[in-house]
Protein backbone atom coordinates (compact mmCIF):
# COMPACT_ATOMS: atom_id res chain seq x y z
CA MET A 1 -0.41 17.87 -25.66
CA ARG A 2 1.81 18.09 -23.10
CA PRO A 3 3.03 21.70 -21.65
CA ALA A 4 6.69 22.58 -22.32
CA GLY A 5 8.95 22.33 -19.17
CA PRO A 6 11.62 20.39 -17.65
CA VAL A 7 10.90 16.65 -17.37
CA ALA A 8 12.43 14.30 -14.52
CA PRO A 9 13.63 10.96 -16.18
CA SER A 10 11.16 8.09 -16.30
CA ARG A 11 10.38 6.81 -13.10
CA TYR A 12 8.11 3.39 -14.07
CA ARG A 13 10.91 1.11 -13.25
CA MET A 14 10.71 -0.12 -9.63
CA ALA A 15 13.64 0.86 -7.18
CA THR A 16 14.26 -0.59 -3.95
CA SER A 17 15.52 1.24 -1.61
CA PRO A 18 18.93 -0.06 0.70
CA ARG A 19 18.07 -0.86 4.51
CA THR A 20 20.28 1.42 5.46
CA ALA A 21 19.17 4.96 3.24
CA THR A 22 19.12 8.00 5.03
CA PRO A 23 15.95 8.71 6.74
CA ARG A 24 13.77 11.34 4.33
CA PRO A 25 12.29 14.06 5.81
CA ALA A 26 8.92 14.24 7.95
CA ARG A 27 6.26 15.08 5.39
CA PRO A 28 4.08 17.98 5.99
CA ALA A 29 0.32 16.98 6.56
CA ASP A 30 -0.36 19.61 3.79
CA PRO A 31 1.69 18.55 0.85
CA ALA A 32 1.03 22.34 -0.46
CA THR A 33 3.39 23.66 2.42
CA VAL A 34 6.52 22.41 0.41
CA TRP A 35 6.42 24.76 -1.76
CA GLN A 36 6.05 28.01 0.79
CA GLY A 37 9.24 30.08 1.19
CA ARG A 38 12.58 29.53 0.18
CA ARG A 39 13.32 25.62 -0.47
CA ARG A 40 16.68 23.94 -1.54
CA ARG A 41 16.84 21.53 -4.07
CA ALA A 42 17.54 18.71 -1.81
CA ASP A 43 13.74 19.18 -1.33
CA HIS A 44 13.05 17.46 -4.72
CA ASP A 45 11.93 14.50 -3.15
CA LEU A 46 9.81 16.17 -0.82
CA LYS A 47 8.54 17.83 -3.07
CA ARG A 48 7.65 14.72 -5.74
CA ASP A 49 6.33 12.86 -2.60
CA ALA A 50 3.88 15.91 -2.03
CA VAL A 51 2.84 16.11 -5.62
CA ILE A 52 1.48 12.11 -5.19
CA ARG A 53 0.14 12.71 -2.18
CA ALA A 54 -2.13 15.66 -4.01
CA ALA A 55 -2.67 13.35 -6.41
CA ALA A 56 -3.93 10.41 -4.36
CA ARG A 57 -6.09 12.78 -2.16
CA SER A 58 -7.81 14.40 -5.60
CA PHE A 59 -8.30 10.67 -6.72
CA ASN A 60 -9.62 9.50 -3.89
CA ASP A 61 -12.02 12.52 -3.71
CA ARG A 62 -12.82 12.88 -7.49
CA GLY A 63 -12.05 9.77 -8.69
CA TYR A 64 -9.40 9.03 -11.48
CA HIS A 65 -10.99 10.01 -14.56
CA ASN A 66 -12.44 12.93 -12.93
CA THR A 67 -9.19 14.35 -11.80
CA SER A 68 -6.74 16.17 -14.01
CA LEU A 69 -3.29 17.33 -13.74
CA ASP A 70 -4.62 20.88 -13.44
CA ASP A 71 -6.56 20.08 -10.41
CA ILE A 72 -3.50 18.34 -8.70
CA ALA A 73 -1.63 21.44 -9.70
CA SER A 74 -4.40 23.78 -8.29
CA ALA A 75 -4.36 21.59 -5.09
CA LEU A 76 -0.75 22.60 -4.31
CA GLY A 77 -0.52 25.81 -5.47
CA VAL A 78 1.47 25.45 -8.43
CA THR A 79 1.63 25.68 -12.20
CA LYS A 80 0.99 22.07 -14.19
CA PRO A 81 4.38 22.31 -15.68
CA THR A 82 5.82 22.08 -11.85
CA VAL A 83 3.59 18.92 -11.73
CA TYR A 84 4.96 17.78 -14.99
CA TYR A 85 8.50 17.73 -13.46
CA TYR A 86 8.36 15.11 -10.96
CA VAL A 87 5.89 12.59 -13.10
CA GLU A 88 5.57 12.05 -16.69
CA ASN A 89 1.55 12.14 -16.83
CA LYS A 90 -1.50 11.35 -14.94
CA GLU A 91 -0.82 7.27 -15.33
CA GLN A 92 2.26 7.59 -13.88
CA LEU A 93 0.69 9.78 -10.77
CA LEU A 94 -1.74 6.49 -10.14
CA PHE A 95 1.22 4.27 -10.53
CA GLU A 96 3.34 6.39 -7.96
CA CYS A 97 0.58 6.31 -5.50
CA PHE A 98 -0.08 2.62 -5.76
CA ARG A 99 3.29 1.96 -4.83
CA ALA A 100 3.62 4.42 -2.34
CA GLY A 101 0.75 2.90 -0.50
CA LEU A 102 2.13 -0.70 -0.80
CA GLU A 103 5.82 0.54 0.57
CA PRO A 104 4.88 -0.25 4.53
CA ILE A 105 3.47 -3.59 3.57
CA ARG A 106 6.38 -4.53 1.70
CA LYS A 107 8.55 -3.21 4.61
CA ALA A 108 6.31 -5.53 6.98
CA LEU A 109 7.12 -8.58 4.69
CA ASP A 110 10.60 -7.77 4.96
CA ALA A 111 10.86 -7.29 8.30
CA ALA A 112 8.82 -10.58 9.15
CA GLU A 113 11.24 -12.06 7.09
CA VAL A 114 13.99 -11.71 9.29
CA SER A 115 11.89 -12.10 12.63
CA ALA A 116 12.40 -14.88 14.80
CA ASP A 117 8.87 -14.98 16.15
CA SER A 118 5.66 -17.03 15.30
CA GLY A 119 4.10 -17.30 11.98
CA ARG A 120 1.10 -15.84 13.48
CA GLU A 121 2.86 -13.05 15.32
CA ARG A 122 4.61 -11.80 12.13
CA LEU A 123 1.28 -12.21 10.39
CA ARG A 124 -0.49 -9.98 12.85
CA ARG A 125 2.36 -6.91 12.07
CA VAL A 126 1.56 -7.51 8.55
CA ILE A 127 -2.12 -7.39 8.66
CA ALA A 128 -1.78 -4.22 10.97
CA ASP A 129 0.32 -2.40 8.55
CA TYR A 130 -1.79 -3.18 5.86
CA ALA A 131 -5.00 -1.91 7.31
CA ARG A 132 -3.18 1.33 8.10
CA ALA A 133 -1.87 1.28 4.73
CA ILE A 134 -5.44 1.05 3.03
CA ALA A 135 -6.77 3.33 5.73
CA SER A 136 -4.53 6.02 4.58
CA GLU A 137 -4.64 8.48 1.52
CA TYR A 138 -3.27 6.11 -0.67
CA GLY A 139 -6.01 3.33 0.27
CA TRP A 140 -8.05 3.97 -2.81
CA CYS A 141 -5.33 3.70 -5.38
CA MET A 142 -3.90 0.86 -3.84
CA VAL A 143 -7.64 -1.09 -4.21
CA ARG A 144 -8.61 0.70 -7.76
CA ALA A 145 -5.19 1.24 -9.59
CA GLU A 146 -5.52 -2.25 -11.53
CA HIS A 147 -8.98 -0.96 -13.04
CA GLN A 148 -8.22 2.60 -14.22
CA ASP A 149 -7.14 1.64 -17.66
CA LEU A 150 -3.28 1.57 -17.02
CA GLY A 151 -0.96 0.86 -19.99
CA PRO A 152 0.35 -2.64 -20.25
CA GLU A 153 3.32 -2.10 -18.61
CA LEU A 154 2.26 -0.55 -15.53
CA SER A 155 -0.53 -3.00 -15.53
CA ARG A 156 2.10 -5.68 -15.56
CA GLN A 157 3.89 -4.16 -12.22
CA VAL A 158 1.39 -3.86 -10.34
CA LYS A 159 -0.01 -7.05 -11.15
CA ALA A 160 3.48 -8.01 -9.91
CA LEU A 161 3.33 -6.03 -6.95
CA LYS A 162 0.11 -7.64 -5.53
CA SER A 163 1.46 -10.83 -6.22
CA GLY A 164 4.20 -10.67 -3.91
CA ILE A 165 2.22 -9.29 -1.37
CA ASP A 166 -0.24 -12.21 -1.93
CA GLN A 167 3.03 -14.53 -1.82
CA GLY A 168 4.39 -12.97 1.30
CA ILE A 169 0.97 -13.48 3.67
CA ARG A 170 0.72 -16.99 1.88
CA SER A 171 4.01 -17.55 3.22
CA LEU A 172 3.66 -16.42 6.64
CA LEU A 173 0.41 -18.50 6.73
CA ARG A 174 2.78 -21.68 5.82
CA ARG A 175 5.08 -21.14 8.69
CA GLY A 176 2.13 -20.09 10.99
CA ILE A 177 0.86 -23.45 10.20
CA GLU A 178 4.01 -25.23 10.75
CA ASP A 179 4.94 -23.75 13.97
CA GLY A 180 1.50 -24.59 15.53
CA SER A 181 0.69 -21.11 15.91
CA ILE A 182 -1.97 -20.87 13.13
CA GLU A 183 -5.01 -22.93 12.36
CA PRO A 184 -4.07 -25.76 9.65
CA CYS A 185 -6.05 -24.41 6.69
CA ASP A 186 -5.69 -23.47 2.78
CA GLU A 187 -3.08 -20.63 2.86
CA ARG A 188 -4.52 -19.84 -0.59
CA ILE A 189 -7.91 -19.28 0.59
CA ALA A 190 -6.68 -17.46 3.48
CA ALA A 191 -4.66 -15.33 2.24
CA PHE A 192 -7.12 -14.07 -0.62
CA ALA A 193 -9.60 -13.63 2.67
CA ILE A 194 -7.10 -11.44 4.52
CA ALA A 195 -6.57 -9.29 1.68
CA GLY A 196 -10.45 -8.92 0.59
CA ALA A 197 -10.87 -8.16 4.23
CA LEU A 198 -8.27 -5.63 4.25
CA ASN A 199 -9.05 -4.11 0.80
CA TRP A 200 -12.61 -3.16 1.63
CA ILE A 201 -11.64 -0.74 4.22
CA ALA A 202 -10.69 1.36 1.42
CA HIS A 203 -14.77 1.23 0.38
CA TRP A 204 -16.14 2.59 3.34
CA TYR A 205 -13.17 4.62 5.68
CA ARG A 206 -12.65 7.99 5.50
CA GLU A 207 -9.88 9.81 7.36
CA GLY A 208 -11.23 12.50 9.71
CA GLN A 209 -13.74 9.53 11.17
CA GLN A 210 -14.26 9.17 14.70
CA MET A 211 -12.41 5.58 14.58
CA GLY A 212 -8.89 6.54 13.14
CA ALA A 213 -6.50 4.31 11.36
CA ASP A 214 -4.68 2.66 14.48
CA ALA A 215 -8.14 1.58 15.56
CA VAL A 216 -9.44 0.20 12.46
CA ALA A 217 -6.13 -1.74 12.46
CA ASP A 218 -6.79 -3.14 16.00
CA ALA A 219 -9.95 -3.76 14.98
CA TYR A 220 -9.01 -5.83 11.82
CA VAL A 221 -6.03 -7.50 13.73
CA ALA A 222 -8.16 -8.84 16.73
CA PHE A 223 -10.96 -10.19 13.96
CA LEU A 224 -8.43 -12.01 12.05
CA GLU A 225 -6.19 -13.32 14.41
CA ASN A 226 -9.45 -14.83 16.20
CA ALA A 227 -10.02 -16.72 12.51
CA LEU A 228 -6.52 -18.14 12.77
CA GLN A 229 -5.98 -18.86 15.93
CA PRO A 230 -5.31 -22.77 16.41
CA ARG A 231 -8.59 -24.70 17.75
CA ALA A 232 -8.58 -27.71 20.36
CA THR A 233 -8.50 -30.06 17.70
CA SER A 234 -7.57 -29.70 13.92
CA PRO A 235 -7.28 -31.73 11.22
CA THR A 236 -3.21 -32.02 10.93
CA ARG A 237 -3.50 -32.87 14.70
CA SER A 238 -5.81 -35.79 14.42
CA GLY A 239 -3.69 -36.82 11.59
CA ARG A 240 -6.13 -35.72 8.79
CA GLY A 241 -4.02 -33.74 6.93
CA ARG A 242 -4.19 -29.87 6.45
CA PRO A 243 -7.65 -28.91 4.58
CA GLN A 244 -7.19 -28.16 0.80
CA VAL A 245 -9.56 -26.08 -1.64
CA GLY A 246 -9.39 -26.96 -5.26
């Protein structure tokens, strides 16, 4: 049974922040520190962010089903009702971890949409931010959230968010093919290959390794860019059209 305590309104619905929103305070390295000392009510968002980050770390270390809200509260040094003040349940926590991890990728795609650079250059920046996001504390949740027994509504939202990322990558691939900066290919297969390679980072990368997140991102960008760069000859340039699969 859910313990008594103040409950924040549901945040299951996606909310998009305006581009001119006031920057939020810098996040401390340890989420628990936001409860230390006297804090103002204005720190609500910072504390909610800390709850989500602590949950992401716990899910990554123990797995979703082996992590309880008591574990998350203990990691933060707060009571379980305090966690319930910021989220409704563990299912919502997993969804919020997933959404937090996707946010830098969505921002990168938004920036690419209005950029005047070539399709390949825009895609390069998206790939770099995607890799860093997967190498972050949210990586496990980004890759595994869809398979953790989420309810129908949250599962629908997870699939919709993932589809948006996929369509954004396909769009950049098409633009790169059109402007000649990307080798003609089937953008659907190419987008699957890019996302699949990047998502696999969550299976092997752990924070604190000798190779940091930025180095991982640089390595993936170099590898994938090499695969996408135009060749001396291509089917499109020789008049045979772009190769398609299925």
